[in-house]
Structure formats: C-alpha cells, structure tokens
Amino acid sequence: MSRLLQTIRFWRLRCEARSLRMAMCYPVFAMFPIAACLAVWWVFLVLPFVLTAAVVLILFDSASLAPVIALAILGLPAFFLLVWQTPRVFRFYWIAAGLMFGKRRAAERALAEIDAELSTTAE
C-alpha cells in the first residue's frame, strides 16, 4: 500500500510541476493549467467515496432513512480530505493569480519546493 501511495504522490508532484512550468511560460493563462491539475487531483481524492455512495444509494431502499445515514457517514472522510487539501488548492490559485499580475517569486519558490520533493521521491 505504501508503494501505491508513493506512486500517487510522485505523479501528483509531476503534474503540479508541469502545470506550474506551463503557467510560468504563459502567465496570462496561468489559471488554466493550474486549475486543470488541481481539478484532476481533487476528483481523484474524492472518487472512492463517491463510488461507495453510489453503491449505497443503489442497494438501499430510498424510502428508508438508512441511505441518508450511510451517506452522512461515508461523506465525512471525503469532507475531511477536501478540507485537508484546501490550503494547497488555494495556495496554487494565489500563485496563478500572482503570475497573471506579473509576480513570479511565489511560483518559483513553489516550483523549487516541488522539485526538491520530486528529487527525494524519485528512485
């Protein structure tokens, strides 16, 4: 399991580095590559809970209270994961906004951090 998580982390870091480099090349359109990267990983983060919720809705009778309780219980981990990742998402949106207004320092610092993490993660 740890190997799978390391692989996912490696691909996430590569995606973030690629989107930051592209945003730095075309600062007017900086929001597009960063938003696309974050949207992909945001959906990937919540996908297991959404699929489980769909199975719960299919299996339970819609007239009972059980699906509501099951969805509330299944929705808690997804909610906490989204709250946990929210600072990272808004950090990248602020970097994109800064790039659009000509401020490259935050993007260069974030890219240096990502490259440092990639060098320690890569085998």
Protein backbone atom coordinates (compact mmCIF):
# COMPACT_ATOMS: atom_id res chain seq x y z
CA MET A 1 0.00 0.00 0.00
CA SER A 2 2.82 2.42 0.77
CA ARG A 3 4.26 1.80 -2.70
CA LEU A 4 0.93 2.77 -4.26
CA LEU A 5 0.77 5.95 -2.16
CA GLN A 6 4.34 6.85 -3.12
CA THR A 7 3.50 6.37 -6.79
CA ILE A 8 0.38 8.53 -6.49
CA ARG A 9 2.38 11.22 -4.68
CA PHE A 10 5.08 11.11 -7.37
CA TRP A 11 2.55 11.55 -10.18
CA ARG A 12 0.77 14.35 -8.30
CA LEU A 13 4.07 16.20 -7.84
CA ARG A 14 4.95 15.74 -11.51
CA CYS A 15 1.56 17.07 -12.54
CA GLU A 16 1.92 20.10 -10.27
CA ALA A 17 5.43 20.82 -11.53
CA ARG A 18 4.31 20.54 -15.14
CA SER A 19 1.35 22.84 -14.61
CA LEU A 20 3.49 25.42 -12.78
CA ARG A 21 6.09 25.40 -15.54
CA MET A 22 3.39 25.86 -18.16
CA ALA A 23 1.79 28.64 -16.12
CA MET A 24 5.15 30.39 -15.82
CA CYS A 25 5.64 30.20 -19.60
CA TYR A 26 2.21 31.68 -20.30
CA PRO A 27 1.38 33.87 -17.29
CA VAL A 28 -1.74 35.40 -18.84
CA PHE A 29 -3.33 31.94 -18.95
CA ALA A 30 -1.81 30.75 -15.67
CA MET A 31 -5.13 29.77 -14.14
CA PHE A 32 -5.96 27.15 -16.78
CA PRO A 33 -3.13 24.62 -16.31
CA ILE A 34 -3.16 25.03 -12.54
CA ALA A 35 -6.94 24.67 -12.30
CA ALA A 36 -6.88 21.61 -14.56
CA CYS A 37 -4.21 19.92 -12.46
CA LEU A 38 -5.96 20.68 -9.19
CA ALA A 39 -9.35 19.60 -10.52
CA VAL A 40 -7.97 16.23 -11.60
CA TRP A 41 -6.41 15.53 -8.22
CA TRP A 42 -9.41 16.92 -6.32
CA VAL A 43 -11.71 14.48 -8.14
CA PHE A 44 -9.20 11.65 -7.70
CA LEU A 45 -9.15 12.32 -3.95
CA VAL A 46 -12.92 12.00 -3.51
CA LEU A 47 -13.65 9.36 -6.15
CA PRO A 48 -13.62 6.30 -3.81
CA PHE A 49 -16.20 7.91 -1.55
CA VAL A 50 -18.41 8.93 -4.45
CA LEU A 51 -18.38 5.42 -5.87
CA THR A 52 -19.18 3.94 -2.46
CA ALA A 53 -22.03 6.42 -2.04
CA ALA A 54 -23.41 5.42 -5.44
CA VAL A 55 -23.36 1.76 -4.41
CA VAL A 56 -25.13 2.63 -1.14
CA LEU A 57 -27.83 4.52 -3.00
CA ILE A 58 -28.37 1.65 -5.39
CA LEU A 59 -28.51 -1.04 -2.70
CA PHE A 60 -30.70 0.67 -0.11
CA ASP A 61 -34.41 1.35 -0.37
CA SER A 62 -34.95 5.03 -0.99
CA ALA A 63 -37.92 5.20 1.38
CA SER A 64 -35.87 4.40 4.47
CA LEU A 65 -33.53 6.58 6.47
CA ALA A 66 -30.60 4.17 6.05
CA PRO A 67 -29.21 5.73 2.84
CA VAL A 68 -29.14 9.17 4.43
CA ILE A 69 -27.26 7.89 7.47
CA ALA A 70 -24.91 5.82 5.31
CA LEU A 71 -24.17 8.78 3.05
CA ALA A 72 -23.55 11.02 6.04
CA ILE A 73 -21.09 8.51 7.46
CA LEU A 74 -19.40 7.97 4.08
CA GLY A 75 -19.30 11.68 3.37
CA LEU A 76 -17.31 12.55 6.48
CA PRO A 77 -13.96 11.16 5.25
CA ALA A 78 -14.41 12.86 1.89
CA PHE A 79 -15.24 16.14 3.60
CA PHE A 80 -12.19 15.94 5.86
CA LEU A 81 -9.93 15.06 2.93
CA LEU A 82 -11.21 18.06 0.99
CA VAL A 83 -10.73 20.35 4.00
CA TRP A 84 -7.23 18.92 4.47
CA GLN A 85 -6.29 19.71 0.84
CA THR A 86 -7.96 23.13 0.69
CA PRO A 87 -4.86 25.15 1.72
CA ARG A 88 -2.83 23.53 -1.07
CA VAL A 89 -5.54 24.33 -3.62
CA PHE A 90 -5.85 27.96 -2.61
CA ARG A 91 -2.06 28.32 -2.48
CA PHE A 92 -1.85 27.30 -6.13
CA TYR A 93 -4.73 29.61 -7.06
CA TRP A 94 -2.90 32.51 -5.39
CA ILE A 95 0.24 31.57 -7.31
CA ALA A 96 -1.77 31.60 -10.55
CA ALA A 97 -3.25 34.99 -9.69
CA GLY A 98 0.23 36.31 -8.88
CA LEU A 99 1.56 35.04 -12.19
CA MET A 100 -1.28 36.72 -14.04
CA PHE A 101 -0.27 40.02 -12.41
CA GLY A 102 3.46 39.54 -13.07
CA LYS A 103 4.68 38.20 -9.71
CA ARG A 104 6.86 35.15 -10.32
CA ARG A 105 8.56 34.76 -6.95
CA ALA A 106 5.86 32.60 -5.33
CA ALA A 107 5.70 30.35 -8.39
CA GLU A 108 9.47 29.93 -8.48
CA ARG A 109 9.54 29.12 -4.76
CA ALA A 110 6.72 26.58 -5.13
CA LEU A 111 8.42 25.00 -8.14
CA ALA A 112 11.69 24.72 -6.19
CA GLU A 113 9.83 23.00 -3.33
CA ILE A 114 8.13 20.60 -5.72
CA ASP A 115 11.40 19.81 -7.50
CA ALA A 116 13.07 19.14 -4.13
CA GLU A 117 10.22 16.77 -3.16
CA LEU A 118 10.44 15.10 -6.56
CA SER A 119 14.16 14.50 -6.19
CA THR A 120 13.60 12.80 -2.81
CA THR A 121 10.57 10.83 -4.07
CA ALA A 122 12.09 9.66 -7.37
CA GLU A 123 14.02 6.45 -7.34
